[in-house]
N, C-alpha and C. Protein backbone atom coordinates (compact mmCIF):
# COMPACT_ATOMS: atom_id res chain seq x y z
N MET A 1 166.52 164.32 46.20
CA MET A 1 166.73 162.93 45.83
C MET A 1 166.41 162.69 44.36
N LYS A 2 165.35 163.26 43.84
CA LYS A 2 164.97 163.03 42.45
C LYS A 2 165.98 163.63 41.49
N PHE A 3 166.52 164.81 41.82
CA PHE A 3 167.51 165.45 40.96
C PHE A 3 168.77 164.58 40.85
N ARG A 4 169.19 164.03 41.96
CA ARG A 4 170.38 163.18 41.96
C ARG A 4 170.16 161.92 41.13
N ASP A 5 169.00 161.32 41.24
CA ASP A 5 168.69 160.14 40.44
C ASP A 5 168.72 160.46 38.95
N LEU A 6 168.22 161.64 38.59
CA LEU A 6 168.21 162.07 37.20
C LEU A 6 169.63 162.26 36.67
N VAL A 7 170.49 162.85 37.49
CA VAL A 7 171.88 163.08 37.10
C VAL A 7 172.60 161.73 36.90
N VAL A 8 172.35 160.78 37.78
CA VAL A 8 172.98 159.46 37.68
C VAL A 8 172.50 158.76 36.40
N LYS A 9 171.22 158.82 36.11
CA LYS A 9 170.69 158.18 34.91
C LYS A 9 171.27 158.81 33.65
N LYS A 10 171.37 160.12 33.63
CA LYS A 10 171.94 160.80 32.47
C LYS A 10 173.40 160.41 32.29
N GLY A 11 174.13 160.31 33.39
CA GLY A 11 175.53 159.91 33.33
C GLY A 11 175.69 158.51 32.78
N LEU A 12 174.84 157.59 33.21
CA LEU A 12 174.90 156.22 32.70
C LEU A 12 174.55 156.16 31.22
N ILE A 13 173.59 156.96 30.80
CA ILE A 13 173.22 157.00 29.39
C ILE A 13 174.38 157.53 28.55
N ILE A 14 175.03 158.57 29.02
CA ILE A 14 176.17 159.15 28.29
C ILE A 14 177.31 158.15 28.20
N ILE A 15 177.61 157.47 29.29
CA ILE A 15 178.67 156.46 29.28
C ILE A 15 178.32 155.33 28.32
N GLY A 16 177.07 154.89 28.34
CA GLY A 16 176.63 153.83 27.43
C GLY A 16 176.77 154.24 25.97
N LEU A 17 176.38 155.47 25.66
CA LEU A 17 176.51 155.96 24.29
C LEU A 17 177.97 156.06 23.86
N LEU A 18 178.83 156.52 24.75
CA LEU A 18 180.26 156.60 24.43
C LEU A 18 180.85 155.21 24.17
N VAL A 19 180.44 154.23 24.95
CA VAL A 19 180.92 152.86 24.74
C VAL A 19 180.47 152.35 23.37
N LEU A 20 179.22 152.62 23.00
CA LEU A 20 178.73 152.21 21.69
C LEU A 20 179.47 152.90 20.55
N ILE A 21 179.73 154.18 20.70
CA ILE A 21 180.45 154.92 19.66
C ILE A 21 181.87 154.41 19.50
N VAL A 22 182.57 154.23 20.61
CA VAL A 22 183.96 153.73 20.55
C VAL A 22 183.98 152.31 19.97
N GLY A 23 183.04 151.47 20.38
CA GLY A 23 182.96 150.11 19.84
C GLY A 23 182.71 150.12 18.34
N GLY A 24 181.83 151.01 17.89
CA GLY A 24 181.56 151.13 16.46
C GLY A 24 182.77 151.59 15.69
N LEU A 25 183.51 152.54 16.24
CA LEU A 25 184.73 153.02 15.58
C LEU A 25 185.80 151.93 15.50
N LEU A 26 185.93 151.16 16.56
CA LEU A 26 186.91 150.06 16.54
C LEU A 26 186.53 149.00 15.50
N PHE A 27 185.25 148.68 15.43
CA PHE A 27 184.77 147.71 14.44
C PHE A 27 185.01 148.22 13.03
N ALA A 28 184.70 149.48 12.78
CA ALA A 28 184.88 150.07 11.45
C ALA A 28 186.36 150.10 11.05
N SER A 29 187.23 150.46 11.99
CA SER A 29 188.66 150.52 11.66
C SER A 29 189.21 149.12 11.39
N GLN A 30 188.79 148.13 12.15
CA GLN A 30 189.25 146.76 11.93
C GLN A 30 188.79 146.26 10.56
N SER A 31 187.56 146.58 10.20
CA SER A 31 187.03 146.19 8.91
C SER A 31 187.81 146.86 7.78
N TYR A 32 188.12 148.13 7.93
CA TYR A 32 188.87 148.87 6.92
C TYR A 32 190.26 148.30 6.71
N PHE A 33 190.97 148.03 7.80
CA PHE A 33 192.33 147.51 7.69
C PHE A 33 192.35 146.08 7.17
N SER A 34 191.34 145.31 7.47
CA SER A 34 191.22 143.96 6.92
C SER A 34 191.03 144.05 5.41
N HIS A 35 190.21 144.98 4.97
CA HIS A 35 189.99 145.19 3.53
C HIS A 35 191.29 145.61 2.84
N LEU A 36 192.04 146.53 3.46
CA LEU A 36 193.31 146.96 2.88
C LEU A 36 194.30 145.80 2.75
N GLU A 37 194.34 144.95 3.76
CA GLU A 37 195.26 143.81 3.73
C GLU A 37 194.94 142.90 2.54
N VAL A 38 193.66 142.58 2.36
CA VAL A 38 193.26 141.72 1.25
C VAL A 38 193.55 142.40 -0.08
N LYS A 39 193.24 143.67 -0.17
CA LYS A 39 193.48 144.41 -1.42
C LYS A 39 194.96 144.40 -1.78
N ASN A 40 195.82 144.65 -0.82
CA ASN A 40 197.27 144.71 -1.08
C ASN A 40 197.84 143.36 -1.52
N ILE A 41 197.46 142.29 -0.84
CA ILE A 41 198.03 140.99 -1.21
C ILE A 41 197.47 140.48 -2.53
N THR A 42 196.22 140.79 -2.84
CA THR A 42 195.68 140.36 -4.13
C THR A 42 196.30 141.15 -5.28
N GLU A 43 196.48 142.45 -5.08
CA GLU A 43 197.13 143.25 -6.12
C GLU A 43 198.55 142.76 -6.39
N LYS A 44 199.28 142.44 -5.35
CA LYS A 44 200.64 141.91 -5.49
C LYS A 44 200.63 140.59 -6.26
N CYS A 45 199.65 139.75 -5.96
CA CYS A 45 199.53 138.46 -6.64
C CYS A 45 199.24 138.67 -8.13
N TYR A 46 198.32 139.57 -8.44
CA TYR A 46 198.00 139.86 -9.84
C TYR A 46 199.21 140.44 -10.58
N GLU A 47 199.97 141.30 -9.90
CA GLU A 47 201.17 141.88 -10.51
C GLU A 47 202.20 140.80 -10.84
N ASP A 48 202.25 139.76 -10.02
CA ASP A 48 203.19 138.66 -10.25
C ASP A 48 202.65 137.65 -11.26
N GLY A 49 201.45 137.91 -11.80
CA GLY A 49 200.88 137.02 -12.81
C GLY A 49 200.14 135.83 -12.23
N GLY A 50 199.70 135.94 -11.00
CA GLY A 50 199.00 134.82 -10.37
C GLY A 50 197.52 135.07 -10.19
N LEU A 51 196.85 134.05 -9.67
CA LEU A 51 195.43 134.13 -9.35
C LEU A 51 195.26 133.87 -7.85
N PRO A 52 194.83 134.89 -7.09
CA PRO A 52 194.75 134.73 -5.64
C PRO A 52 193.55 133.90 -5.20
N THR A 53 193.76 133.12 -4.15
CA THR A 53 192.70 132.39 -3.47
C THR A 53 192.77 132.78 -2.00
N ILE A 54 191.66 133.32 -1.49
CA ILE A 54 191.64 133.81 -0.11
C ILE A 54 190.49 133.16 0.64
N GLU A 55 190.78 132.75 1.87
CA GLU A 55 189.74 132.25 2.77
C GLU A 55 189.83 133.07 4.04
N LYS A 56 188.70 133.68 4.42
CA LYS A 56 188.68 134.53 5.61
C LYS A 56 187.70 133.99 6.63
N SER A 57 188.00 134.26 7.87
CA SER A 57 187.10 133.98 8.98
C SER A 57 187.00 135.26 9.79
N GLY A 58 185.89 135.94 9.65
CA GLY A 58 185.76 137.25 10.30
C GLY A 58 186.71 138.22 9.62
N PHE A 59 187.57 138.84 10.40
CA PHE A 59 188.54 139.78 9.86
C PHE A 59 189.88 139.13 9.55
N LYS A 60 190.03 137.89 9.92
CA LYS A 60 191.32 137.21 9.81
C LYS A 60 191.41 136.39 8.51
N ILE A 61 192.55 136.49 7.84
CA ILE A 61 192.80 135.66 6.66
C ILE A 61 193.29 134.30 7.15
N VAL A 62 192.50 133.27 6.84
CA VAL A 62 192.82 131.91 7.27
C VAL A 62 193.75 131.23 6.27
N HIS A 63 193.51 131.48 4.98
CA HIS A 63 194.32 130.85 3.94
C HIS A 63 194.48 131.83 2.79
N PHE A 64 195.70 131.89 2.25
CA PHE A 64 195.97 132.68 1.06
C PHE A 64 196.95 131.94 0.19
N SER A 65 196.63 131.85 -1.10
CA SER A 65 197.59 131.30 -2.05
C SER A 65 197.51 132.10 -3.34
N CYS A 66 198.65 132.14 -4.02
CA CYS A 66 198.75 132.84 -5.29
C CYS A 66 199.20 131.83 -6.33
N ASP A 67 198.23 131.29 -7.07
CA ASP A 67 198.52 130.25 -8.06
C ASP A 67 198.94 130.88 -9.38
N LYS A 68 200.15 130.59 -9.76
CA LYS A 68 200.66 131.10 -11.04
C LYS A 68 200.50 129.99 -12.07
N GLY A 69 199.71 130.27 -13.06
CA GLY A 69 199.44 129.20 -14.01
C GLY A 69 199.68 129.63 -15.36
């Protein structure tokens, strides 16, 4: 009985760790792609001679404008 309980606990710990690792990887990739999106649109705005204004909420761009002045 004790051996089986130990195996079950180890299995739950492994599953928990895998969930944390996968969650961390998903968070990191979302952050990276959000950064790339902002970088690309701001560079395009600067190339067009404008000044970018960005408002973000979390990973999502809520507002973007490229003011050419």
